Amino acid sequence: MISPKIQDAINAQINAEFWSAYLYLSMGMHFESEGCAGIANWFRVQFKEEQAHAEIFINYLLSRGGKVELKPIAEVPTKWKSPLDAFEATLAHEEKVTAMINSIYALAEAEHDYATRGKLDWFVAEQVEEEETAQGLIDRLKMIGKDGLALYMLDNELAARVYNVPAPLATKE
């Protein structure tokens, strides 16, 4: 059985993951309307990943006898000045998510809940990847600057991104 403190923290994380999904869907819709289909695709894939993260937490909480409590999702922004602005917002958001994951990890350690800590190891590694990817795109967009051809090439590259089911869900299907 999972402790009430861990259950509450994971439920808050589930809400945060769904909010993240909604944010990335909003970003995707914004860039779709701006004619950047590749960037839109990148964010749509990110939307699916965040939904999957929520599902992983849901499955884990249920497997430990916990109760999932879905809460309303707060409003998300709908406009960004540029792709660079959106990816800077993405990095800032992923850093907040990392801090939340780290807080749950610390709580699991304090409560000697090694099963939860073990489950969170995957998320810790995932957050390193999320931040690294966002930072890499920021760096590339800064190099691109106002070069329309370079932005067009990056947009085409991002159009090739595909969703892959995360390992913790791949075994559930």
N, C-alpha and C. Protein backbone atom coordinates (compact mmCIF):
# COMPACT_ATOMS: atom_id res chain seq x y z
N MET A 1 0.85 -1.18 0.00
CA MET A 1 0.00 0.00 0.00
C MET A 1 0.88 1.23 0.00
N ILE A 2 0.47 2.21 -0.73
CA ILE A 2 1.23 3.44 -0.85
C ILE A 2 0.78 4.44 0.23
N SER A 3 1.71 5.25 0.70
CA SER A 3 1.36 6.20 1.76
C SER A 3 0.51 7.34 1.20
N PRO A 4 -0.29 7.96 2.04
CA PRO A 4 -1.10 9.10 1.58
C PRO A 4 -0.25 10.25 1.02
N LYS A 5 0.91 10.51 1.62
CA LYS A 5 1.77 11.59 1.12
C LYS A 5 2.28 11.29 -0.29
N ILE A 6 2.72 10.06 -0.52
CA ILE A 6 3.20 9.68 -1.85
C ILE A 6 2.04 9.70 -2.84
N GLN A 7 0.89 9.18 -2.43
CA GLN A 7 -0.29 9.18 -3.30
C GLN A 7 -0.63 10.61 -3.72
N ASP A 8 -0.64 11.54 -2.78
CA ASP A 8 -0.96 12.94 -3.09
C ASP A 8 0.07 13.54 -4.05
N ALA A 9 1.34 13.24 -3.81
CA ALA A 9 2.40 13.77 -4.67
C ALA A 9 2.29 13.22 -6.09
N ILE A 10 1.99 11.94 -6.19
CA ILE A 10 1.85 11.34 -7.53
C ILE A 10 0.60 11.88 -8.21
N ASN A 11 -0.48 12.06 -7.49
CA ASN A 11 -1.67 12.65 -8.10
C ASN A 11 -1.38 14.07 -8.61
N ALA A 12 -0.61 14.84 -7.86
CA ALA A 12 -0.23 16.18 -8.32
C ALA A 12 0.63 16.07 -9.58
N GLN A 13 1.49 15.05 -9.63
CA GLN A 13 2.34 14.86 -10.81
C GLN A 13 1.50 14.43 -12.01
N ILE A 14 0.50 13.62 -11.79
CA ILE A 14 -0.39 13.22 -12.89
C ILE A 14 -1.04 14.47 -13.49
N ASN A 15 -1.53 15.34 -12.63
CA ASN A 15 -2.13 16.59 -13.12
C ASN A 15 -1.10 17.42 -13.89
N ALA A 16 0.12 17.49 -13.37
CA ALA A 16 1.18 18.26 -14.03
C ALA A 16 1.52 17.67 -15.40
N GLU A 17 1.51 16.35 -15.50
CA GLU A 17 1.80 15.71 -16.79
C GLU A 17 0.70 15.99 -17.80
N PHE A 18 -0.56 15.96 -17.35
CA PHE A 18 -1.65 16.30 -18.27
C PHE A 18 -1.59 17.78 -18.65
N TRP A 19 -1.22 18.66 -17.71
CA TRP A 19 -1.06 20.07 -18.03
C TRP A 19 0.04 20.23 -19.06
N SER A 20 1.14 19.51 -18.89
CA SER A 20 2.24 19.55 -19.85
C SER A 20 1.76 19.13 -21.24
N ALA A 21 0.97 18.06 -21.28
CA ALA A 21 0.44 17.59 -22.56
C ALA A 21 -0.40 18.68 -23.22
N TYR A 22 -1.25 19.30 -22.43
CA TYR A 22 -2.10 20.37 -22.94
C TYR A 22 -1.28 21.56 -23.43
N LEU A 23 -0.22 21.89 -22.70
CA LEU A 23 0.69 22.96 -23.11
C LEU A 23 1.31 22.64 -24.47
N TYR A 24 1.82 21.44 -24.62
CA TYR A 24 2.49 21.08 -25.88
C TYR A 24 1.49 20.96 -27.03
N LEU A 25 0.29 20.55 -26.75
CA LEU A 25 -0.73 20.55 -27.80
C LEU A 25 -1.03 21.98 -28.23
N SER A 26 -1.09 22.89 -27.27
CA SER A 26 -1.32 24.30 -27.58
C SER A 26 -0.18 24.85 -28.44
N MET A 27 1.05 24.50 -28.08
CA MET A 27 2.20 24.94 -28.87
C MET A 27 2.12 24.38 -30.28
N GLY A 28 1.75 23.11 -30.39
CA GLY A 28 1.61 22.50 -31.71
C GLY A 28 0.58 23.21 -32.56
N MET A 29 -0.56 23.53 -31.97
CA MET A 29 -1.63 24.21 -32.72
C MET A 29 -1.18 25.61 -33.14
N HIS A 30 -0.44 26.28 -32.26
CA HIS A 30 0.05 27.62 -32.59
C HIS A 30 0.97 27.55 -33.81
N PHE A 31 1.93 26.63 -33.80
CA PHE A 31 2.87 26.57 -34.92
C PHE A 31 2.26 26.00 -36.18
N GLU A 32 1.26 25.16 -36.02
CA GLU A 32 0.51 24.70 -37.20
C GLU A 32 -0.13 25.90 -37.89
N SER A 33 -0.73 26.78 -37.10
CA SER A 33 -1.39 27.96 -37.68
C SER A 33 -0.39 28.96 -38.25
N GLU A 34 0.87 28.86 -37.82
CA GLU A 34 1.92 29.75 -38.32
C GLU A 34 2.63 29.18 -39.54
N GLY A 35 2.23 28.00 -39.99
CA GLY A 35 2.84 27.40 -41.17
C GLY A 35 4.10 26.62 -40.89
N CYS A 36 4.35 26.30 -39.64
CA CYS A 36 5.54 25.52 -39.26
C CYS A 36 5.09 24.12 -38.88
N ALA A 37 4.76 23.33 -39.88
CA ALA A 37 4.19 22.00 -39.64
C ALA A 37 5.17 21.07 -38.93
N GLY A 38 6.45 21.21 -39.17
CA GLY A 38 7.44 20.36 -38.52
C GLY A 38 7.55 20.65 -37.04
N ILE A 39 7.60 21.93 -36.70
CA ILE A 39 7.65 22.32 -35.29
C ILE A 39 6.35 21.88 -34.61
N ALA A 40 5.24 22.06 -35.31
CA ALA A 40 3.94 21.61 -34.78
C ALA A 40 3.98 20.11 -34.51
N ASN A 41 4.56 19.35 -35.43
CA ASN A 41 4.67 17.90 -35.25
C ASN A 41 5.51 17.57 -34.02
N TRP A 42 6.62 18.28 -33.83
CA TRP A 42 7.47 18.03 -32.67
C TRP A 42 6.67 18.18 -31.39
N PHE A 43 5.87 19.25 -31.31
CA PHE A 43 5.06 19.48 -30.11
C PHE A 43 3.91 18.49 -29.98
N ARG A 44 3.36 18.03 -31.10
CA ARG A 44 2.30 17.01 -31.03
C ARG A 44 2.84 15.69 -30.48
N VAL A 45 4.05 15.35 -30.89
CA VAL A 45 4.68 14.14 -30.35
C VAL A 45 4.94 14.33 -28.86
N GLN A 46 5.38 15.53 -28.49
CA GLN A 46 5.62 15.83 -27.08
C GLN A 46 4.32 15.71 -26.27
N PHE A 47 3.22 16.16 -26.86
CA PHE A 47 1.89 16.03 -26.25
C PHE A 47 1.61 14.56 -25.91
N LYS A 48 1.86 13.67 -26.86
CA LYS A 48 1.61 12.24 -26.65
C LYS A 48 2.53 11.68 -25.56
N GLU A 49 3.78 12.14 -25.55
CA GLU A 49 4.72 11.67 -24.53
C GLU A 49 4.25 12.05 -23.12
N GLU A 50 3.77 13.29 -22.98
CA GLU A 50 3.33 13.74 -21.66
C GLU A 50 2.09 12.98 -21.21
N GLN A 51 1.19 12.68 -22.14
CA GLN A 51 0.04 11.85 -21.79
C GLN A 51 0.51 10.47 -21.32
N ALA A 52 1.51 9.94 -21.99
CA ALA A 52 2.05 8.64 -21.60
C ALA A 52 2.68 8.70 -20.21
N HIS A 53 3.36 9.81 -19.91
CA HIS A 53 3.94 9.95 -18.57
C HIS A 53 2.85 9.91 -17.51
N ALA A 54 1.76 10.61 -17.77
CA ALA A 54 0.63 10.57 -16.82
C ALA A 54 0.11 9.15 -16.67
N GLU A 55 -0.01 8.45 -17.78
CA GLU A 55 -0.51 7.07 -17.74
C GLU A 55 0.42 6.16 -16.94
N ILE A 56 1.72 6.36 -17.07
CA ILE A 56 2.68 5.56 -16.29
C ILE A 56 2.46 5.79 -14.81
N PHE A 57 2.30 7.05 -14.41
CA PHE A 57 2.04 7.35 -13.01
C PHE A 57 0.70 6.75 -12.55
N ILE A 58 -0.32 6.85 -13.39
CA ILE A 58 -1.63 6.28 -13.06
C ILE A 58 -1.51 4.77 -12.84
N ASN A 59 -0.87 4.09 -13.77
CA ASN A 59 -0.70 2.64 -13.66
C ASN A 59 0.06 2.27 -12.39
N TYR A 60 1.10 3.04 -12.09
CA TYR A 60 1.89 2.76 -10.90
C TYR A 60 1.06 2.95 -9.63
N LEU A 61 0.36 4.06 -9.56
CA LEU A 61 -0.44 4.34 -8.37
C LEU A 61 -1.49 3.24 -8.15
N LEU A 62 -2.14 2.84 -9.22
CA LEU A 62 -3.14 1.76 -9.12
C LEU A 62 -2.50 0.44 -8.70
N SER A 63 -1.31 0.17 -9.23
CA SER A 63 -0.63 -1.09 -8.89
C SER A 63 -0.23 -1.16 -7.42
N ARG A 64 -0.11 -0.01 -6.79
CA ARG A 64 0.27 0.04 -5.38
C ARG A 64 -0.94 0.20 -4.46
N GLY A 65 -2.14 0.07 -5.02
CA GLY A 65 -3.35 0.17 -4.22
C GLY A 65 -3.77 1.59 -3.93
N GLY A 66 -3.21 2.53 -4.66
CA GLY A 66 -3.55 3.94 -4.47
C GLY A 66 -4.80 4.33 -5.23
N LYS A 67 -5.25 5.53 -4.97
CA LYS A 67 -6.44 6.07 -5.63
C LYS A 67 -6.01 7.24 -6.52
N VAL A 68 -6.40 7.18 -7.77
CA VAL A 68 -6.11 8.26 -8.71
C VAL A 68 -7.20 9.30 -8.59
N GLU A 69 -6.80 10.54 -8.43
CA GLU A 69 -7.74 11.65 -8.34
C GLU A 69 -7.39 12.68 -9.42
N LEU A 70 -8.17 12.64 -10.49
CA LEU A 70 -7.95 13.57 -11.59
C LEU A 70 -8.55 14.93 -11.23
N LYS A 71 -7.77 15.96 -11.39
CA LYS A 71 -8.17 17.32 -11.06
C LYS A 71 -8.31 18.13 -12.35
N PRO A 72 -8.97 19.27 -12.28
CA PRO A 72 -9.05 20.13 -13.48
C PRO A 72 -7.66 20.55 -13.94
N ILE A 73 -7.54 20.73 -15.22
CA ILE A 73 -6.27 21.18 -15.81
C ILE A 73 -6.35 22.69 -15.99
N ALA A 74 -5.37 23.39 -15.45
CA ALA A 74 -5.33 24.85 -15.54
C ALA A 74 -5.11 25.28 -16.99
N GLU A 75 -5.53 26.50 -17.27
CA GLU A 75 -5.36 27.08 -18.60
C GLU A 75 -3.88 27.15 -18.98
N VAL A 76 -3.60 26.99 -20.26
CA VAL A 76 -2.24 27.08 -20.77
C VAL A 76 -2.13 28.27 -21.73
N PRO A 77 -0.91 28.77 -21.95
CA PRO A 77 -0.73 29.82 -22.96
C PRO A 77 -1.11 29.29 -24.34
N THR A 78 -1.39 30.22 -25.26
CA THR A 78 -1.79 29.83 -26.61
C THR A 78 -0.97 30.51 -27.70
N LYS A 79 -0.08 31.41 -27.33
CA LYS A 79 0.70 32.13 -28.34
C LYS A 79 2.15 32.27 -27.89
N TRP A 80 3.04 32.20 -28.87
CA TRP A 80 4.47 32.40 -28.64
C TRP A 80 5.01 33.30 -29.74
N LYS A 81 5.99 34.11 -29.39
CA LYS A 81 6.54 35.08 -30.35
C LYS A 81 7.30 34.41 -31.49
N SER A 82 7.90 33.26 -31.18
CA SER A 82 8.77 32.60 -32.16
C SER A 82 9.02 31.16 -31.72
N PRO A 83 9.57 30.35 -32.61
CA PRO A 83 9.97 29.00 -32.17
C PRO A 83 10.96 29.06 -31.00
N LEU A 84 11.90 29.99 -31.05
CA LEU A 84 12.85 30.12 -29.95
C LEU A 84 12.13 30.39 -28.64
N ASP A 85 11.18 31.29 -28.65
CA ASP A 85 10.39 31.62 -27.46
C ASP A 85 9.68 30.36 -26.92
N ALA A 86 9.12 29.57 -27.81
CA ALA A 86 8.40 28.36 -27.40
C ALA A 86 9.35 27.33 -26.81
N PHE A 87 10.51 27.15 -27.41
CA PHE A 87 11.43 26.15 -26.88
C PHE A 87 12.10 26.62 -25.59
N GLU A 88 12.26 27.92 -25.42
CA GLU A 88 12.74 28.44 -24.13
C GLU A 88 11.68 28.20 -23.05
N ALA A 89 10.41 28.38 -23.42
CA ALA A 89 9.33 28.08 -22.47
C ALA A 89 9.28 26.58 -22.17
N THR A 90 9.56 25.78 -23.18
CA THR A 90 9.60 24.33 -23.00
C THR A 90 10.69 23.95 -22.00
N LEU A 91 11.88 24.51 -22.17
CA LEU A 91 12.97 24.19 -21.24
C LEU A 91 12.62 24.61 -19.82
N ALA A 92 12.10 25.82 -19.67
CA ALA A 92 11.73 26.30 -18.33
C ALA A 92 10.68 25.38 -17.71
N HIS A 93 9.72 24.95 -18.51
CA HIS A 93 8.69 24.05 -18.00
C HIS A 93 9.28 22.70 -17.62
N GLU A 94 10.13 22.15 -18.46
CA GLU A 94 10.73 20.84 -18.15
C GLU A 94 11.60 20.92 -16.90
N GLU A 95 12.23 22.05 -16.66
CA GLU A 95 13.00 22.22 -15.43
C GLU A 95 12.08 22.19 -14.20
N LYS A 96 10.88 22.75 -14.33
CA LYS A 96 9.91 22.68 -13.23
C LYS A 96 9.45 21.24 -13.01
N VAL A 97 9.21 20.53 -14.09
CA VAL A 97 8.80 19.13 -13.98
C VAL A 97 9.91 18.32 -13.32
N THR A 98 11.14 18.58 -13.70
CA THR A 98 12.28 17.89 -13.07
C THR A 98 12.28 18.13 -11.57
N ALA A 99 12.05 19.38 -11.16
CA ALA A 99 12.02 19.70 -9.73
C ALA A 99 10.90 18.94 -9.03
N MET A 100 9.75 18.79 -9.68
CA MET A 100 8.64 18.04 -9.09
C MET A 100 8.99 16.57 -8.93
N ILE A 101 9.61 15.99 -9.96
CA ILE A 101 10.02 14.58 -9.90
C ILE A 101 11.04 14.40 -8.77
N ASN A 102 11.99 15.33 -8.68
CA ASN A 102 13.00 15.26 -7.63
C ASN A 102 12.36 15.35 -6.24
N SER A 103 11.32 16.15 -6.11
CA SER A 103 10.63 16.28 -4.82
C SER A 103 9.94 14.97 -4.43
N ILE A 104 9.32 14.32 -5.40
CA ILE A 104 8.68 13.03 -5.12
C ILE A 104 9.75 12.00 -4.75
N TYR A 105 10.87 12.04 -5.45
CA TYR A 105 11.97 11.13 -5.17
C TYR A 105 12.46 11.32 -3.73
N ALA A 106 12.65 12.59 -3.33
CA ALA A 106 13.11 12.89 -1.96
C ALA A 106 12.07 12.41 -0.94
N LEU A 107 10.80 12.60 -1.24
CA LEU A 107 9.73 12.14 -0.35
C LEU A 107 9.76 10.61 -0.25
N ALA A 108 9.94 9.94 -1.37
CA ALA A 108 10.01 8.47 -1.36
C ALA A 108 11.19 8.00 -0.51
N GLU A 109 12.30 8.68 -0.63
CA GLU A 109 13.46 8.32 0.21
C GLU A 109 13.15 8.54 1.68
N ALA A 110 12.55 9.68 2.01
CA ALA A 110 12.23 10.01 3.40
C ALA A 110 11.25 8.99 3.99
N GLU A 111 10.36 8.49 3.16
CA GLU A 111 9.36 7.52 3.63
C GLU A 111 9.82 6.07 3.46
N HIS A 112 11.05 5.90 3.01
CA HIS A 112 11.61 4.55 2.78
C HIS A 112 10.74 3.75 1.81
N ASP A 113 10.21 4.45 0.81
CA ASP A 113 9.37 3.82 -0.22
C ASP A 113 10.27 3.55 -1.43
N TYR A 114 10.96 2.43 -1.38
CA TYR A 114 11.95 2.12 -2.41
C TYR A 114 11.32 1.72 -3.74
N ALA A 115 10.10 1.22 -3.70
CA ALA A 115 9.40 0.89 -4.94
C ALA A 115 9.12 2.16 -5.74
N THR A 116 8.64 3.19 -5.05
CA THR A 116 8.36 4.46 -5.74
C THR A 116 9.66 5.08 -6.22
N ARG A 117 10.68 5.04 -5.38
CA ARG A 117 11.97 5.59 -5.79
C ARG A 117 12.47 4.87 -7.04
N GLY A 118 12.32 3.56 -7.07
CA GLY A 118 12.74 2.80 -8.25
C GLY A 118 11.96 3.18 -9.50
N LYS A 119 10.66 3.37 -9.36
CA LYS A 119 9.83 3.78 -10.50
C LYS A 119 10.27 5.16 -11.00
N LEU A 120 10.63 6.02 -10.06
CA LEU A 120 11.02 7.38 -10.43
C LEU A 120 12.37 7.44 -11.14
N ASP A 121 13.19 6.41 -11.00
CA ASP A 121 14.49 6.41 -11.70
C ASP A 121 14.30 6.61 -13.20
N TRP A 122 13.28 5.97 -13.77
CA TRP A 122 13.01 6.13 -15.20
C TRP A 122 12.70 7.60 -15.52
N PHE A 123 11.88 8.22 -14.66
CA PHE A 123 11.50 9.62 -14.89
C PHE A 123 12.68 10.57 -14.73
N VAL A 124 13.57 10.27 -13.80
CA VAL A 124 14.76 11.11 -13.62
C VAL A 124 15.58 11.11 -14.92
N ALA A 125 15.81 9.93 -15.48
CA ALA A 125 16.56 9.83 -16.73
C ALA A 125 15.80 10.51 -17.87
N GLU A 126 14.49 10.34 -17.90
CA GLU A 126 13.65 10.97 -18.94
C GLU A 126 13.76 12.49 -18.89
N GLN A 127 13.79 13.05 -17.68
CA GLN A 127 13.87 14.50 -17.55
C GLN A 127 15.22 15.03 -18.02
N VAL A 128 16.27 14.28 -17.81
CA VAL A 128 17.58 14.68 -18.33
C VAL A 128 17.49 14.79 -19.86
N GLU A 129 16.87 13.79 -20.48
CA GLU A 129 16.70 13.80 -21.94
C GLU A 129 15.81 14.96 -22.40
N GLU A 130 14.73 15.21 -21.68
CA GLU A 130 13.80 16.30 -22.05
C GLU A 130 14.53 17.65 -22.04
N GLU A 131 15.27 17.90 -20.97
CA GLU A 131 15.98 19.18 -20.86
C GLU A 131 17.09 19.29 -21.90
N GLU A 132 17.80 18.20 -22.13
CA GLU A 132 18.88 18.22 -23.12
C GLU A 132 18.33 18.49 -24.52
N THR A 133 17.22 17.87 -24.85
CA THR A 133 16.61 18.07 -26.18
C THR A 133 16.15 19.51 -26.35
N ALA A 134 15.47 20.04 -25.35
CA ALA A 134 15.00 21.44 -25.44
C ALA A 134 16.19 22.39 -25.56
N GLN A 135 17.23 22.17 -24.76
CA GLN A 135 18.41 23.04 -24.82
C GLN A 135 19.08 22.96 -26.18
N GLY A 136 19.15 21.76 -26.75
CA GLY A 136 19.74 21.60 -28.08
C GLY A 136 18.97 22.35 -29.14
N LEU A 137 17.64 22.32 -29.07
CA LEU A 137 16.83 23.06 -30.04
C LEU A 137 16.97 24.57 -29.83
N ILE A 138 17.07 25.00 -28.59
CA ILE A 138 17.31 26.43 -28.32
C ILE A 138 18.64 26.86 -28.93
N ASP A 139 19.67 26.07 -28.71
CA ASP A 139 20.99 26.40 -29.25
C ASP A 139 20.96 26.49 -30.77
N ARG A 140 20.28 25.55 -31.40
CA ARG A 140 20.18 25.57 -32.87
C ARG A 140 19.39 26.78 -33.36
N LEU A 141 18.29 27.10 -32.67
CA LEU A 141 17.48 28.25 -33.08
C LEU A 141 18.25 29.55 -32.89
N LYS A 142 19.08 29.64 -31.89
CA LYS A 142 19.92 30.83 -31.70
C LYS A 142 20.93 30.95 -32.83
N MET A 143 21.49 29.83 -33.27
CA MET A 143 22.42 29.85 -34.41
C MET A 143 21.70 30.27 -35.68
N ILE A 144 20.49 29.79 -35.84
CA ILE A 144 19.69 30.10 -37.02
C ILE A 144 19.37 31.58 -37.09
N GLY A 145 19.02 32.16 -35.96
CA GLY A 145 18.67 33.58 -35.94
C GLY A 145 17.51 33.87 -36.88
N LYS A 146 17.72 34.80 -37.78
CA LYS A 146 16.67 35.21 -38.73
C LYS A 146 16.79 34.51 -40.09
N ASP A 147 17.63 33.49 -40.18
CA ASP A 147 17.85 32.79 -41.44
C ASP A 147 16.65 31.90 -41.76
N GLY A 148 15.82 32.36 -42.68
CA GLY A 148 14.60 31.65 -43.04
C GLY A 148 14.85 30.27 -43.62
N LEU A 149 15.89 30.13 -44.43
CA LEU A 149 16.20 28.84 -45.03
C LEU A 149 16.60 27.83 -43.94
N ALA A 150 17.40 28.28 -42.99
CA ALA A 150 17.82 27.39 -41.91
C ALA A 150 16.60 26.98 -41.06
N LEU A 151 15.69 27.91 -40.81
CA LEU A 151 14.49 27.58 -40.06
C LEU A 151 13.64 26.58 -40.84
N TYR A 152 13.55 26.78 -42.14
CA TYR A 152 12.81 25.86 -43.00
C TYR A 152 13.41 24.45 -42.90
N MET A 153 14.74 24.36 -42.91
CA MET A 153 15.41 23.06 -42.82
C MET A 153 15.16 22.40 -41.46
N LEU A 154 15.22 23.19 -40.39
CA LEU A 154 14.93 22.65 -39.07
C LEU A 154 13.48 22.18 -38.98
N ASP A 155 12.57 22.98 -39.53
CA ASP A 155 11.16 22.61 -39.53
C ASP A 155 10.97 21.26 -40.24
N ASN A 156 11.63 21.08 -41.38
CA ASN A 156 11.55 19.80 -42.10
C ASN A 156 12.11 18.65 -41.27
N GLU A 157 13.19 18.91 -40.58
CA GLU A 157 13.79 17.88 -39.73
C GLU A 157 12.84 17.47 -38.60
N LEU A 158 12.21 18.47 -37.97
CA LEU A 158 11.31 18.18 -36.86
C LEU A 158 10.03 17.48 -37.31
N ALA A 159 9.71 17.62 -38.60
CA ALA A 159 8.53 16.93 -39.14
C ALA A 159 8.71 15.41 -39.13
N ALA A 160 9.95 14.95 -39.06
CA ALA A 160 10.22 13.51 -39.10
C ALA A 160 10.11 12.84 -37.72
N ARG A 161 9.95 13.62 -36.66
CA ARG A 161 9.86 13.04 -35.33
C ARG A 161 8.60 12.17 -35.22
N VAL A 162 8.76 11.01 -34.63
CA VAL A 162 7.62 10.10 -34.43
C VAL A 162 7.51 9.74 -32.96
N TYR A 163 6.32 9.39 -32.56
CA TYR A 163 6.05 8.99 -31.18
C TYR A 163 6.45 7.53 -31.00
N ASN A 164 7.15 7.27 -29.92
CA ASN A 164 7.50 5.91 -29.53
C ASN A 164 6.92 5.66 -28.14
N VAL A 165 6.26 4.55 -27.99
CA VAL A 165 5.67 4.20 -26.69
C VAL A 165 6.81 4.05 -25.68
N PRO A 166 6.72 4.75 -24.54
CA PRO A 166 7.77 4.62 -23.53
C PRO A 166 7.85 3.20 -22.97
N ALA A 167 9.03 2.78 -22.60
CA ALA A 167 9.25 1.42 -22.11
C ALA A 167 8.30 1.00 -21.00
N PRO A 168 8.03 1.87 -20.00
CA PRO A 168 7.11 1.42 -18.94
C PRO A 168 5.69 1.13 -19.42
N LEU A 169 5.30 1.67 -20.57
CA LEU A 169 3.97 1.36 -21.12
C LEU A 169 4.02 0.23 -22.13
N ALA A 170 5.16 0.05 -22.76
CA ALA A 170 5.29 -0.98 -23.80
C ALA A 170 5.01 -2.36 -23.24
N THR A 171 5.34 -2.58 -21.97
CA THR A 171 5.11 -3.89 -21.36
C THR A 171 3.68 -4.04 -20.89
N LYS A 172 2.90 -2.95 -20.86
CA LYS A 172 1.51 -3.00 -20.38
C LYS A 172 0.53 -3.34 -21.50
N GLU A 173 0.99 -3.20 -22.74
CA GLU A 173 0.06 -3.40 -23.87
C GLU A 173 -0.05 -4.84 -24.29
